[in-house]
Amino acid sequence: MPHPINLQVCSVCGSKVERRFCHRNRAGAYICHPCQARQQGKGLLSVAVIRIRMTIPEIGRKTAILLAIGLAVVFTVAMVFLLAAD
């Protein structure tokens, strides 16, 4: 859980986000990255990817990458065994 001092309130959606996940515009208002992407007309996929990035902590990224690689290896080995069984 981030320290409360590092949290900012998004002026668009009202959610509390870490300072590194928000942008301060010229008017001095803080806007979270997903709201900023929506305002810039980016697609739903871009907004979803930004939301996922915000939810995965920095330490967890390496774990998530290793997990994805491990699952790919397991899937490949399983497919090889299934093809060899035929």
Protein backbone atom coordinates (compact mmCIF):
# COMPACT_ATOMS: atom_id res chain seq x y z
CA MET A 1 0.00 0.00 0.00
CA PRO A 2 1.51 3.34 -1.02
CA HIS A 3 2.07 6.02 1.55
CA PRO A 4 -0.96 8.38 1.76
CA ILE A 5 1.21 11.40 0.93
CA ASN A 6 1.96 9.91 -2.51
CA LEU A 7 -1.74 9.59 -3.40
CA GLN A 8 -3.47 12.14 -5.62
CA VAL A 9 -7.16 12.43 -6.46
CA CYS A 10 -8.00 12.30 -10.17
CA SER A 11 -10.04 15.36 -11.13
CA VAL A 12 -11.98 13.38 -13.77
CA CYS A 13 -12.98 10.10 -12.11
CA GLY A 14 -12.24 10.95 -8.46
CA SER A 15 -10.16 7.85 -7.76
CA LYS A 16 -7.05 8.00 -5.59
CA VAL A 17 -3.91 7.05 -7.51
CA GLU A 18 -0.20 7.17 -6.85
CA ARG A 19 1.52 10.33 -8.06
CA ARG A 20 3.55 8.37 -10.62
CA PHE A 21 0.31 7.20 -12.29
CA CYS A 22 -1.18 10.66 -12.77
CA HIS A 23 -0.45 13.73 -14.86
CA ARG A 24 -0.64 17.35 -13.72
CA ASN A 25 -2.16 19.50 -16.43
CA ARG A 26 -1.66 23.24 -17.02
CA ALA A 27 -4.54 24.10 -14.71
CA GLY A 28 -2.88 22.20 -11.86
CA ALA A 29 -5.42 19.38 -11.80
CA TYR A 30 -4.23 15.80 -11.50
CA ILE A 31 -5.56 13.34 -14.09
CA CYS A 32 -4.90 9.58 -13.85
CA HIS A 33 -3.34 7.93 -16.91
CA PRO A 34 -6.49 5.99 -17.98
CA CYS A 35 -8.60 9.19 -17.90
CA GLN A 36 -5.87 11.04 -19.79
CA ALA A 37 -5.82 8.29 -22.44
CA ARG A 38 -9.61 8.47 -22.75
CA GLN A 39 -9.45 12.25 -23.20
CA GLN A 40 -6.80 11.87 -25.91
CA GLY A 41 -9.08 9.51 -27.83
CA LYS A 42 -7.04 6.34 -27.42
CA GLY A 43 -8.88 3.03 -27.70
CA LEU A 44 -10.30 0.80 -24.98
CA LEU A 45 -7.35 -1.58 -25.27
CA SER A 46 -4.88 1.20 -24.44
CA VAL A 47 -6.92 2.21 -21.41
CA ALA A 48 -7.13 -1.43 -20.26
CA VAL A 49 -3.37 -1.90 -20.61
CA ILE A 50 -2.74 1.25 -18.59
CA ARG A 51 -5.12 0.05 -15.85
CA ILE A 52 -3.32 -3.31 -15.71
CA ARG A 53 0.05 -1.56 -15.44
CA MET A 54 -1.26 0.51 -12.55
CA THR A 55 -2.43 -2.56 -10.63
CA ILE A 56 0.78 -4.59 -10.95
CA PRO A 57 3.33 -3.35 -8.43
CA GLU A 58 6.95 -2.86 -9.50
CA ILE A 59 8.18 -5.91 -7.60
CA GLY A 60 5.40 -8.05 -9.05
CA ARG A 61 6.30 -7.28 -12.67
CA LYS A 62 9.36 -9.53 -12.63
CA THR A 63 7.29 -12.26 -11.02
CA ALA A 64 4.54 -11.83 -13.63
CA ILE A 65 7.06 -12.01 -16.48
CA LEU A 66 8.66 -15.15 -15.05
CA LEU A 67 5.22 -16.69 -14.57
CA ALA A 68 4.26 -15.93 -18.18
CA ILE A 69 7.50 -17.48 -19.46
CA GLY A 70 6.98 -20.53 -17.24
CA LEU A 71 3.42 -21.01 -18.48
CA ALA A 72 4.59 -20.74 -22.09
CA VAL A 73 7.23 -23.41 -21.48
CA VAL A 74 4.74 -25.73 -19.77
CA PHE A 75 2.23 -25.22 -22.60
CA THR A 76 4.89 -25.95 -25.23
CA VAL A 77 6.04 -29.12 -23.48
CA ALA A 78 2.43 -30.30 -23.11
CA MET A 79 1.77 -29.69 -26.81
CA VAL A 80 4.91 -31.64 -27.76
CA PHE A 81 3.79 -34.60 -25.64
CA LEU A 82 0.27 -34.47 -27.09
CA LEU A 83 1.60 -34.40 -30.66
CA ALA A 84 4.07 -37.19 -29.93
CA ALA A 85 1.27 -39.38 -28.53
CA ASP A 86 -0.56 -39.38 -31.89
